[in-house]
Structure formats: C-alpha cells, structure tokens
Amino acid sequence: GGGGPKLCGFLQKQGGPLRAWKQRWFTYEEKKNQLFYYRTPQDVTPLGRVELSCATFTYPLKAESGTFHIKTPERTFILKVKGTGRPGLSQPLRQLLLFASVSRTT
C-alpha cells in the first residue's frame, strides 16, 4: 500500500573536515517526521537522518543564497538548495522546508 509520492530531492550538504559541499538525496518520512539522506536516489541505506520534531530552521543572512541550517539537539545541518536551471529540489520538499521554517520561527 505505497502511500503516494514521497517528498524527496537533491540538496547540497556541507560536512567533513574541509566543510566541502556534497550533493545528497533527501527524503522526508512524514510518520517519523524525519529527513533521511542518501548518496544517490538508488541507495537503500541512508547516510544519516535529521530529526525534525525538535529542529529549528535558520536562514543565515550572510550565507550564500539558498543556504539554510537545520539545528537539532545533536548537531546543526548546513544545507543548500541547488542553483537555478538544474534539476534541483522537488516542489514538495521545497514546500516542506518552507512550511517547517515558518512553523518553527513563529
């Protein structure tokens, strides 16, 4: 009983000692309220997950365009929406991030 299309899309994620940007495939699990990220859309095992239930979204003013932070108790995820023209974030995931950021900051 697959429940419709998942919220998913590519985001740039900053990490590692060099703070390099790496493209990751993100999916949103609504029941768990978690974002999982993978190396590719074909991967079965996620590289990690972001717990959204107690996360706060911030959009640093000085950061590059499209950059935002998701802060969880464990760590801060630094993410970036790919620039224009390229197949980037799916519309639903964009809406989710927009919604999440609005609902958290009020």
PDB file of N, CA and C in Angstrom:
ATOM      1  N   GLY A   1       0.808  -1.230   0.000  1.00  0.00           N
ATOM      2  CA  GLY A   1       0.000   0.000   0.000  1.00  0.00           C
ATOM      3  C   GLY A   1       0.817   1.244   0.000  1.00  0.00           C
ATOM      4  N   GLY A   2       1.690   1.479  -0.966  1.00  0.00           N
ATOM      5  CA  GLY A   2       2.532   2.670  -1.007  1.00  0.00           C
ATOM      6  C   GLY A   2       1.700   3.945  -0.963  1.00  0.00           C
ATOM      7  N   GLY A   3       1.992   4.816  -0.006  1.00  0.00           N
ATOM      8  CA  GLY A   3       1.145   5.990   0.221  1.00  0.00           C
ATOM      9  C   GLY A   3       1.551   7.204  -0.585  1.00  0.00           C
ATOM     10  N   GLY A   4       1.434   7.131  -1.894  1.00  0.00           N
ATOM     11  CA  GLY A   4       1.669   8.313  -2.719  1.00  0.00           C
ATOM     12  C   GLY A   4       3.131   8.684  -2.811  1.00  0.00           C
ATOM     13  N   PRO A   5       3.431   9.748  -3.580  1.00  0.00           N
ATOM     14  CA  PRO A   5       4.823  10.142  -3.789  1.00  0.00           C
ATOM     15  C   PRO A   5       5.437  10.715  -2.528  1.00  0.00           C
ATOM     16  N   LYS A   6       6.674  10.335  -2.294  1.00  0.00           N
ATOM     17  CA  LYS A   6       7.395  10.852  -1.135  1.00  0.00           C
ATOM     18  C   LYS A   6       7.941  12.225  -1.452  1.00  0.00           C
ATOM     19  N   LEU A   7       8.160  12.997  -0.392  1.00  0.00           N
ATOM     20  CA  LEU A   7       8.854  14.268  -0.554  1.00  0.00           C
ATOM     21  C   LEU A   7      10.341  13.945  -0.668  1.00  0.00           C
ATOM     22  N   CYS A   8      10.941  14.335  -1.780  1.00  0.00           N
ATOM     23  CA  CYS A   8      12.334  13.999  -1.970  1.00  0.00           C
ATOM     24  C   CYS A   8      12.996  14.973  -2.931  1.00  0.00           C
ATOM     25  N   GLY A   9      14.311  15.023  -2.905  1.00  0.00           N
ATOM     26  CA  GLY A   9      15.037  15.888  -3.809  1.00  0.00           C
ATOM     27  C   GLY A   9      16.493  16.003  -3.412  1.00  0.00           C
ATOM     28  N   PHE A  10      17.278  16.563  -4.315  1.00  0.00           N
ATOM     29  CA  PHE A  10      18.698  16.765  -4.047  1.00  0.00           C
ATOM     30  C   PHE A  10      18.923  18.066  -3.288  1.00  0.00           C
ATOM     31  N   LEU A  11      19.779  17.991  -2.277  1.00  0.00           N
ATOM     32  CA  LEU A  11      20.250  19.177  -1.575  1.00  0.00           C
ATOM     33  C   LEU A  11      21.767  19.074  -1.459  1.00  0.00           C
ATOM     34  N   GLN A  12      22.421  20.223  -1.417  1.00  0.00           N
ATOM     35  CA  GLN A  12      23.840  20.245  -1.094  1.00  0.00           C
ATOM     36  C   GLN A  12      23.968  20.228   0.425  1.00  0.00           C
ATOM     37  N   LYS A  13      24.861  19.377   0.922  1.00  0.00           N
ATOM     38  CA  LYS A  13      25.069  19.293   2.361  1.00  0.00           C
ATOM     39  C   LYS A  13      26.541  19.561   2.658  1.00  0.00           C
ATOM     40  N   GLN A  14      26.783  20.449   3.621  1.00  0.00           N
ATOM     41  CA  GLN A  14      28.161  20.768   3.967  1.00  0.00           C
ATOM     42  C   GLN A  14      28.617  19.888   5.109  1.00  0.00           C
ATOM     43  N   GLY A  15      29.806  19.319   4.964  1.00  0.00           N
ATOM     44  CA  GLY A  15      30.287  18.454   6.029  1.00  0.00           C
ATOM     45  C   GLY A  15      31.741  18.086   5.859  1.00  0.00           C
ATOM     46  N   GLY A  16      32.240  17.297   6.821  1.00  0.00           N
ATOM     47  CA  GLY A  16      33.616  16.859   6.773  1.00  0.00           C
ATOM     48  C   GLY A  16      34.567  17.938   7.262  1.00  0.00           C
ATOM     49  N   PRO A  17      35.814  17.558   7.465  1.00  0.00           N
ATOM     50  CA  PRO A  17      36.805  18.498   7.990  1.00  0.00           C
ATOM     51  C   PRO A  17      37.046  19.688   7.058  1.00  0.00           C
ATOM     52  N   LEU A  18      36.836  19.466   5.751  1.00  0.00           N
ATOM     53  CA  LEU A  18      37.078  20.550   4.798  1.00  0.00           C
ATOM     54  C   LEU A  18      35.832  21.394   4.556  1.00  0.00           C
ATOM     55  N   ARG A  19      34.742  21.043   5.231  1.00  0.00           N
ATOM     56  CA  ARG A  19      33.474  21.749   5.039  1.00  0.00           C
ATOM     57  C   ARG A  19      33.103  21.832   3.558  1.00  0.00           C
ATOM     58  N   ALA A  20      33.308  20.729   2.875  1.00  0.00           N
ATOM     59  CA  ALA A  20      33.006  20.679   1.443  1.00  0.00           C
ATOM     60  C   ALA A  20      31.516  20.434   1.227  1.00  0.00           C
ATOM     61  N   TRP A  21      30.990  20.968   0.113  1.00  0.00           N
ATOM     62  CA  TRP A  21      29.598  20.723  -0.248  1.00  0.00           C
ATOM     63  C   TRP A  21      29.511  19.400  -0.999  1.00  0.00           C
ATOM     64  N   LYS A  22      28.584  18.551  -0.571  1.00  0.00           N
ATOM     65  CA  LYS A  22      28.353  17.286  -1.257  1.00  0.00           C
ATOM     66  C   LYS A  22      26.876  17.181  -1.583  1.00  0.00           C
ATOM     67  N   GLN A  23      26.580  16.681  -2.788  1.00  0.00           N
ATOM     68  CA  GLN A  23      25.181  16.520  -3.151  1.00  0.00           C
ATOM     69  C   GLN A  23      24.628  15.257  -2.500  1.00  0.00           C
ATOM     70  N   ARG A  24      23.493  15.395  -1.857  1.00  0.00           N
ATOM     71  CA  ARG A  24      22.842  14.261  -1.204  1.00  0.00           C
ATOM     72  C   ARG A  24      21.371  14.203  -1.621  1.00  0.00           C
ATOM     73  N   TRP A  25      20.848  12.991  -1.655  1.00  0.00           N
ATOM     74  CA  TRP A  25      19.452  12.756  -1.975  1.00  0.00           C
ATOM     75  C   TRP A  25      18.673  12.694  -0.668  1.00  0.00           C
ATOM     76  N   PHE A  26      17.737  13.613  -0.484  1.00  0.00           N
ATOM     77  CA  PHE A  26      16.962  13.689   0.756  1.00  0.00           C
ATOM     78  C   PHE A  26      15.550  13.163   0.546  1.00  0.00           C
ATOM     79  N   THR A  27      15.052  12.416   1.511  1.00  0.00           N
ATOM     80  CA  THR A  27      13.643  12.016   1.502  1.00  0.00           C
ATOM     81  C   THR A  27      13.041  12.357   2.868  1.00  0.00           C
ATOM     82  N   TYR A  28      11.766  12.691   2.851  1.00  0.00           N
ATOM     83  CA  TYR A  28      11.068  13.056   4.082  1.00  0.00           C
ATOM     84  C   TYR A  28      10.090  11.953   4.457  1.00  0.00           C
ATOM     85  N   GLU A  29      10.219  11.445   5.677  1.00  0.00           N
ATOM     86  CA  GLU A  29       9.289  10.443   6.206  1.00  0.00           C
ATOM     87  C   GLU A  29       8.305  11.142   7.130  1.00  0.00           C
ATOM     88  N   GLU A  30       7.073  11.283   6.647  1.00  0.00           N
ATOM     89  CA  GLU A  30       6.099  12.075   7.390  1.00  0.00           C
ATOM     90  C   GLU A  30       5.746  11.456   8.736  1.00  0.00           C
ATOM     91  N   LYS A  31       5.588  10.134   8.766  1.00  0.00           N
ATOM     92  CA  LYS A  31       5.184   9.474  10.013  1.00  0.00           C
ATOM     93  C   LYS A  31       6.230   9.669  11.104  1.00  0.00           C
ATOM     94  N   LYS A  32       7.491   9.635  10.705  1.00  0.00           N
ATOM     95  CA  LYS A  32       8.574   9.774  11.689  1.00  0.00           C
ATOM     96  C   LYS A  32       8.990  11.222  11.866  1.00  0.00           C
ATOM     97  N   ASN A  33       8.525  12.084  10.957  1.00  0.00           N
ATOM     98  CA  ASN A  33       8.936  13.489  10.944  1.00  0.00           C
ATOM     99  C   ASN A  33      10.456  13.601  10.893  1.00  0.00           C
ATOM    100  N   GLN A  34      11.049  12.844   9.949  1.00  0.00           N
ATOM    101  CA  GLN A  34      12.493  12.836   9.786  1.00  0.00           C
ATOM    102  C   GLN A  34      12.866  12.982   8.323  1.00  0.00           C
ATOM    103  N   LEU A  35      13.990  13.650   8.101  1.00  0.00           N
ATOM    104  CA  LEU A  35      14.611  13.688   6.786  1.00  0.00           C
ATOM    105  C   LEU A  35      15.726  12.651   6.781  1.00  0.00           C
ATOM    106  N   PHE A  36      15.734  11.786   5.771  1.00  0.00           N
ATOM    107  CA  PHE A  36      16.838  10.857   5.585  1.00  0.00           C
ATOM    108  C   PHE A  36      17.639  11.307   4.379  1.00  0.00           C
ATOM    109  N   TYR A  37      18.941  11.118   4.421  1.00  0.00           N
ATOM    110  CA  TYR A  37      19.727  11.472   3.242  1.00  0.00           C
ATOM    111  C   TYR A  37      20.630  10.323   2.804  1.00  0.00           C
ATOM    112  N   TYR A  38      20.788  10.250   1.486  1.00  0.00           N
ATOM    113  CA  TYR A  38      21.491   9.148   0.827  1.00  0.00           C
ATOM    114  C   TYR A  38      22.514   9.719  -0.148  1.00  0.00           C
ATOM    115  N   ARG A  39      23.469   8.870  -0.542  1.00  0.00           N
ATOM    116  CA  ARG A  39      24.444   9.284  -1.544  1.00  0.00           C
ATOM    117  C   ARG A  39      23.778   9.443  -2.902  1.00  0.00           C
ATOM    118  N   THR A  40      22.903   8.487  -3.251  1.00  0.00           N
ATOM    119  CA  THR A  40      22.172   8.549  -4.524  1.00  0.00           C
ATOM    120  C   THR A  40      20.726   8.138  -4.284  1.00  0.00           C
ATOM    121  N   PRO A  41      19.820   8.469  -5.219  1.00  0.00           N
ATOM    122  CA  PRO A  41      18.419   8.052  -5.079  1.00  0.00           C
ATOM    123  C   PRO A  41      18.255   6.534  -5.081  1.00  0.00           C
ATOM    124  N   GLN A  42      19.239   5.816  -5.615  1.00  0.00           N
ATOM    125  CA  GLN A  42      19.136   4.363  -5.701  1.00  0.00           C
ATOM    126  C   GLN A  42      19.539   3.675  -4.398  1.00  0.00           C
ATOM    127  N   ASP A  43      20.242   4.395  -3.545  1.00  0.00           N
ATOM    128  CA  ASP A  43      20.740   3.780  -2.313  1.00  0.00           C
ATOM    129  C   ASP A  43      19.592   3.359  -1.403  1.00  0.00           C
ATOM    130  N   VAL A  44      19.818   2.247  -0.707  1.00  0.00           N
ATOM    131  CA  VAL A  44      18.808   1.711   0.207  1.00  0.00           C
ATOM    132  C   VAL A  44      19.100   2.168   1.639  1.00  0.00           C
ATOM    133  N   THR A  45      20.376   2.224   1.983  1.00  0.00           N
ATOM    134  CA  THR A  45      20.769   2.582   3.342  1.00  0.00           C
ATOM    135  C   THR A  45      21.107   4.064   3.423  1.00  0.00           C
ATOM    136  N   PRO A  46      20.411   4.811   4.278  1.00  0.00           N
ATOM    137  CA  PRO A  46      20.701   6.247   4.385  1.00  0.00           C
ATOM    138  C   PRO A  46      22.056   6.492   5.038  1.00  0.00           C
ATOM    139  N   LEU A  47      22.687   7.592   4.662  1.00  0.00           N
ATOM    140  CA  LEU A  47      23.941   8.014   5.297  1.00  0.00           C
ATOM    141  C   LEU A  47      23.660   8.592   6.675  1.00  0.00           C
ATOM    142  N   GLY A  48      22.463   9.132   6.833  1.00  0.00           N
ATOM    143  CA  GLY A  48      22.100   9.736   8.113  1.00  0.00           C
ATOM    144  C   GLY A  48      20.679  10.243   8.063  1.00  0.00           C
ATOM    145  N   ARG A  49      20.273  10.862   9.153  1.00  0.00           N
ATOM    146  CA  ARG A  49      18.911  11.386   9.208  1.00  0.00           C
ATOM    147  C   ARG A  49      18.879  12.664  10.018  1.00  0.00           C
ATOM    148  N   VAL A  50      17.835  13.435   9.787  1.00  0.00           N
ATOM    149  CA  VAL A  50      17.638  14.692  10.507  1.00  0.00           C
ATOM    150  C   VAL A  50      16.305  14.589  11.234  1.00  0.00           C
ATOM    151  N   GLU A  51      16.357  14.670  12.546  1.00  0.00           N
ATOM    152  CA  GLU A  51      15.157  14.611  13.379  1.00  0.00           C
ATOM    153  C   GLU A  51      14.502  15.989  13.383  1.00  0.00           C
ATOM    154  N   LEU A  52      13.306  16.092  12.778  1.00  0.00           N
ATOM    155  CA  LEU A  52      12.687  17.409  12.609  1.00  0.00           C
ATOM    156  C   LEU A  52      11.763  17.811  13.751  1.00  0.00           C
ATOM    157  N   SER A  53      11.408  16.856  14.621  1.00  0.00           N
ATOM    158  CA  SER A  53      10.381  17.158  15.627  1.00  0.00           C
ATOM    159  C   SER A  53      10.821  18.278  16.576  1.00  0.00           C
ATOM    160  N   CYS A  54      12.131  18.359  16.841  1.00  0.00           N
ATOM    161  CA  CYS A  54      12.586  19.449  17.722  1.00  0.00           C
ATOM    162  C   CYS A  54      13.664  20.275  17.039  1.00  0.00           C
ATOM    163  N   ALA A  55      13.583  20.358  15.723  1.00  0.00           N
ATOM    164  CA  ALA A  55      14.581  21.109  14.962  1.00  0.00           C
ATOM    165  C   ALA A  55      14.148  22.557  14.767  1.00  0.00           C
ATOM    166  N   THR A  56      15.125  23.439  14.620  1.00  0.00           N
ATOM    167  CA  THR A  56      14.828  24.816  14.239  1.00  0.00           C
ATOM    168  C   THR A  56      15.536  25.117  12.925  1.00  0.00           C
ATOM    169  N   PHE A  57      14.840  25.847  12.060  1.00  0.00           N
ATOM    170  CA  PHE A  57      15.371  26.229  10.757  1.00  0.00           C
ATOM    171  C   PHE A  57      15.849  27.677  10.837  1.00  0.00           C
ATOM    172  N   THR A  58      17.042  27.930  10.325  1.00  0.00           N
ATOM    173  CA  THR A  58      17.507  29.314  10.244  1.00  0.00           C
ATOM    174  C   THR A  58      18.055  29.582   8.852  1.00  0.00           C
ATOM    175  N   TYR A  59      17.930  30.814   8.433  1.00  0.00           N
ATOM    176  CA  TYR A  59      18.435  31.262   7.134  1.00  0.00           C
ATOM    177  C   TYR A  59      19.459  32.360   7.394  1.00  0.00           C
ATOM    178  N   PRO A  60      20.746  31.999   7.478  1.00  0.00           N
ATOM    179  CA  PRO A  60      21.769  33.000   7.804  1.00  0.00           C
ATOM    180  C   PRO A  60      21.847  34.076   6.735  1.00  0.00           C
ATOM    181  N   LEU A  61      21.838  35.320   7.168  1.00  0.00           N
ATOM    182  CA  LEU A  61      21.812  36.439   6.226  1.00  0.00           C
ATOM    183  C   LEU A  61      23.091  36.521   5.405  1.00  0.00           C
ATOM    184  N   LYS A  62      24.215  36.163   6.008  1.00  0.00           N
ATOM    185  CA  LYS A  62      25.493  36.330   5.324  1.00  0.00           C
ATOM    186  C   LYS A  62      25.848  35.119   4.465  1.00  0.00           C
ATOM    187  N   ALA A  63      25.096  34.057   4.583  1.00  0.00           N
ATOM    188  CA  ALA A  63      25.422  32.836   3.836  1.00  0.00           C
ATOM    189  C   ALA A  63      25.057  32.985   2.357  1.00  0.00           C
ATOM    190  N   GLU A  64      25.550  32.045   1.562  1.00  0.00           N
ATOM    191  CA  GLU A  64      25.206  32.039   0.140  1.00  0.00           C
ATOM    192  C   GLU A  64      23.700  31.907  -0.035  1.00  0.00           C
ATOM    193  N   SER A  65      23.217  32.367  -1.181  1.00  0.00           N
ATOM    194  CA  SER A  65      21.802  32.252  -1.491  1.00  0.00           C
ATOM    195  C   SER A  65      21.391  30.786  -1.501  1.00  0.00           C
ATOM    196  N   GLY A  66      20.246  30.498  -0.907  1.00  0.00           N
ATOM    197  CA  GLY A  66      19.736  29.132  -0.896  1.00  0.00           C
ATOM    198  C   GLY A  66      20.231  28.294   0.265  1.00  0.00           C
ATOM    199  N   THR A  67      21.100  28.870   1.088  1.00  0.00           N
ATOM    200  CA  THR A  67      21.653  28.131   2.226  1.00  0.00           C
ATOM    201  C   THR A  67      20.741  28.262   3.442  1.00  0.00           C
ATOM    202  N   PHE A  68      20.553  27.162   4.150  1.00  0.00           N
ATOM    203  CA  PHE A  68      19.816  27.219   5.406  1.00  0.00           C
ATOM    204  C   PHE A  68      20.381  26.189   6.371  1.00  0.00           C
ATOM    205  N   HIS A  69      20.116  26.389   7.655  1.00  0.00           N
ATOM    206  CA  HIS A  69      20.604  25.487   8.686  1.00  0.00           C
ATOM    207  C   HIS A  69      19.410  24.798   9.349  1.00  0.00           C
ATOM    208  N   ILE A  70      19.557  23.525   9.616  1.00  0.00           N
ATOM    209  CA  ILE A  70      18.585  22.811  10.454  1.00  0.00           C
ATOM    210  C   ILE A  70      19.327  22.419  11.726  1.00  0.00           C
ATOM    211  N   LYS A  71      18.898  23.012  12.839  1.00  0.00           N
ATOM    212  CA  LYS A  71      19.580  22.773  14.107  1.00  0.00           C
ATOM    213  C   LYS A  71      18.781  21.770  14.924  1.00  0.00           C
ATOM    214  N   THR A  72      19.403  20.640  15.243  1.00  0.00           N
ATOM    215  CA  THR A  72      18.790  19.651  16.124  1.00  0.00           C
ATOM    216  C   THR A  72      19.620  19.601  17.400  1.00  0.00           C
ATOM    217  N   PRO A  73      19.087  18.965  18.456  1.00  0.00           N
ATOM    218  CA  PRO A  73      19.881  18.866  19.698  1.00  0.00           C
ATOM    219  C   PRO A  73      21.247  18.223  19.469  1.00  0.00           C
ATOM    220  N   GLU A  74      21.323  17.281  18.513  1.00  0.00           N
ATOM    221  CA  GLU A  74      22.576  16.572  18.281  1.00  0.00           C
ATOM    222  C   GLU A  74      23.587  17.424  17.505  1.00  0.00           C
ATOM    223  N   ARG A  75      23.119  18.050  16.426  1.00  0.00           N
ATOM    224  CA  ARG A  75      24.054  18.765  15.562  1.00  0.00           C
ATOM    225  C   ARG A  75      23.303  19.742  14.668  1.00  0.00           C
ATOM    226  N   THR A  76      24.067  20.563  13.967  1.00  0.00           N
ATOM    227  CA  THR A  76      23.496  21.500  13.008  1.00  0.00           C
ATOM    228  C   THR A  76      23.827  21.039  11.595  1.00  0.00           C
ATOM    229  N   PHE A  77      22.803  20.921  10.768  1.00  0.00           N
ATOM    230  CA  PHE A  77      22.979  20.540   9.372  1.00  0.00           C
ATOM    231  C   PHE A  77      22.993  21.804   8.520  1.00  0.00           C
ATOM    232  N   ILE A  78      24.019  21.941   7.689  1.00  0.00           N
ATOM    233  CA  ILE A  78      24.117  23.096   6.802  1.00  0.00           C
ATOM    234  C   ILE A  78      23.801  22.615   5.392  1.00  0.00           C
ATOM    235  N   LEU A  79      22.698  23.132   4.849  1.00  0.00           N
ATOM    236  CA  LEU A  79      22.190  22.649   3.570  1.00  0.00           C
ATOM    237  C   LEU A  79      22.016  23.797   2.604  1.00  0.00           C
ATOM    238  N   LYS A  80      22.008  23.453   1.324  1.00  0.00           N
ATOM    239  CA  LYS A  80      21.867  24.478   0.295  1.00  0.00           C
ATOM    240  C   LYS A  80      21.011  23.934  -0.837  1.00  0.00           C
ATOM    241  N   VAL A  81      20.060  24.744  -1.271  1.00  0.00           N
ATOM    242  CA  VAL A  81      19.240  24.385  -2.427  1.00  0.00           C
ATOM    243  C   VAL A  81      20.030  24.727  -3.678  1.00  0.00           C
ATOM    244  N   LYS A  82      20.125  23.760  -4.574  1.00  0.00           N
ATOM    245  CA  LYS A  82      20.887  23.921  -5.814  1.00  0.00           C
ATOM    246  C   LYS A  82      20.409  25.129  -6.603  1.00  0.00           C
ATOM    247  N   GLY A  83      21.343  25.740  -7.319  1.00  0.00           N
ATOM    248  CA  GLY A  83      21.031  26.944  -8.087  1.00  0.00           C
ATOM    249  C   GLY A  83      20.005  26.710  -9.179  1.00  0.00           C
ATOM    250  N   THR A  84      19.653  27.758  -9.882  1.00  0.00           N
ATOM    251  CA  THR A  84      18.572  27.711 -10.860  1.00  0.00           C
ATOM    252  C   THR A  84      18.961  26.886 -12.072  1.00  0.00           C
ATOM    253  N   GLY A  85      17.950  26.411 -12.777  1.00  0.00           N
ATOM    254  CA  GLY A  85      18.176  25.744 -14.047  1.00  0.00           C
ATOM    255  C   GLY A  85      18.482  24.263 -13.934  1.00  0.00           C
ATOM    256  N   ARG A  86      19.143  23.874 -12.869  1.00  0.00           N
ATOM    257  CA  ARG A  86      19.475  22.466 -12.699  1.00  0.00           C
ATOM    258  C   ARG A  86      18.289  21.738 -12.078  1.00  0.00           C
ATOM    259  N   PRO A  87      18.161  20.426 -12.336  1.00  0.00           N
ATOM    260  CA  PRO A  87      17.103  19.682 -11.639  1.00  0.00           C
ATOM    261  C   PRO A  87      17.417  19.679 -10.152  1.00  0.00           C
ATOM    262  N   GLY A  88      16.733  20.494  -9.423  1.00  0.00           N
ATOM    263  CA  GLY A  88      17.065  20.644  -8.011  1.00  0.00           C
ATOM    264  C   GLY A  88      16.044  19.985  -7.116  1.00  0.00           C
ATOM    265  N   LEU A  89      15.603  20.755  -6.172  1.00  0.00           N
ATOM    266  CA  LEU A  89      14.686  20.276  -5.156  1.00  0.00           C
ATOM    267  C   LEU A  89      13.303  20.083  -5.752  1.00  0.00           C
ATOM    268  N   SER A  90      12.683  18.951  -5.428  1.00  0.00           N
ATOM    269  CA  SER A  90      11.310  18.763  -5.883  1.00  0.00           C
ATOM    270  C   SER A  90      10.419  19.776  -5.170  1.00  0.00           C
ATOM    271  N   GLN A  91       9.367  20.202  -5.843  1.00  0.00           N
ATOM    272  CA  GLN A  91       8.461  21.209  -5.288  1.00  0.00           C
ATOM    273  C   GLN A  91       7.951  20.827  -3.891  1.00  0.00           C
ATOM    274  N   PRO A  92       7.520  19.573  -3.679  1.00  0.00           N
ATOM    275  CA  PRO A  92       7.003  19.224  -2.349  1.00  0.00           C
ATOM    276  C   PRO A  92       8.025  19.413  -1.242  1.00  0.00           C
ATOM    277  N   LEU A  93       9.286  19.039  -1.505  1.00  0.00           N
ATOM    278  CA  LEU A  93      10.304  19.188  -0.469  1.00  0.00           C
ATOM    279  C   LEU A  93      10.551  20.663  -0.183  1.00  0.00           C
ATOM    280  N   ARG A  94      10.528  21.461  -1.240  1.00  0.00           N
ATOM    281  CA  ARG A  94      10.681  22.907  -1.071  1.00  0.00           C
ATOM    282  C   ARG A  94       9.563  23.445  -0.174  1.00  0.00           C
ATOM    283  N   GLN A  95       8.341  22.998  -0.452  1.00  0.00           N
ATOM    284  CA  GLN A  95       7.193  23.433   0.364  1.00  0.00           C
ATOM    285  C   GLN A  95       7.376  23.001   1.809  1.00  0.00           C
ATOM    286  N   LEU A  96       7.852  21.778   1.989  1.00  0.00           N
ATOM    287  CA  LEU A  96       8.056  21.263   3.342  1.00  0.00           C
ATOM    288  C   LEU A  96       9.024  22.153   4.105  1.00  0.00           C
ATOM    289  N   LEU A  97      10.156  22.459   3.473  1.00  0.00           N
ATOM    290  CA  LEU A  97      11.175  23.251   4.145  1.00  0.00           C
ATOM    291  C   LEU A  97      10.655  24.643   4.444  1.00  0.00           C
ATOM    292  N   LEU A  98       9.891  25.171   3.500  1.00  0.00           N
ATOM    293  CA  LEU A  98       9.275  26.485   3.688  1.00  0.00           C
ATOM    294  C   LEU A  98       8.321  26.444   4.872  1.00  0.00           C
ATOM    295  N   PHE A  99       7.454  25.438   4.861  1.00  0.00           N
ATOM    296  CA  PHE A  99       6.458  25.280   5.922  1.00  0.00           C
ATOM    297  C   PHE A  99       7.148  25.095   7.267  1.00  0.00           C
ATOM    298  N   ALA A 100       8.138  24.229   7.294  1.00  0.00           N
ATOM    299  CA  ALA A 100       8.841  23.929   8.543  1.00  0.00           C
ATOM    300  C   ALA A 100       9.489  25.185   9.104  1.00  0.00           C
ATOM    301  N   SER A 101      10.107  25.957   8.207  1.00  0.00           N
ATOM    302  CA  SER A 101      10.802  27.155   8.673  1.00  0.00           C
ATOM    303  C   SER A 101       9.814  28.168   9.240  1.00  0.00           C
ATOM    304  N   VAL A 102       8.665  28.282   8.597  1.00  0.00           N
ATOM    305  CA  VAL A 102       7.651  29.244   9.058  1.00  0.00           C
ATOM    306  C   VAL A 102       7.076  28.776  10.397  1.00  0.00           C
ATOM    307  N   SER A 103       6.763  27.486  10.498  1.00  0.00           N
ATOM    308  CA  SER A 103       6.108  26.995  11.712  1.00  0.00           C
ATOM    309  C   SER A 103       7.058  27.031  12.912  1.00  0.00           C
ATOM    310  N   ARG A 104       8.364  26.917  12.649  1.00  0.00           N
ATOM    311  CA  ARG A 104       9.317  26.904  13.768  1.00  0.00           C
ATOM    312  C   ARG A 104       9.617  28.304  14.289  1.00  0.00           C
ATOM    313  N   THR A 105       9.656  29.279  13.389  1.00  0.00           N
ATOM    314  CA  THR A 105      10.158  30.589  13.803  1.00  0.00           C
ATOM    315  C   THR A 105       9.099  31.455  14.468  1.00  0.00           C
ATOM    316  N   THR A 106       7.828  31.068  14.367  1.00  0.00           N
ATOM    317  CA  THR A 106       6.777  31.890  14.979  1.00  0.00           C
ATOM    318  C   THR A 106       6.733  31.683  16.492  1.00  0.00           C
TER     319      THR A 106
END
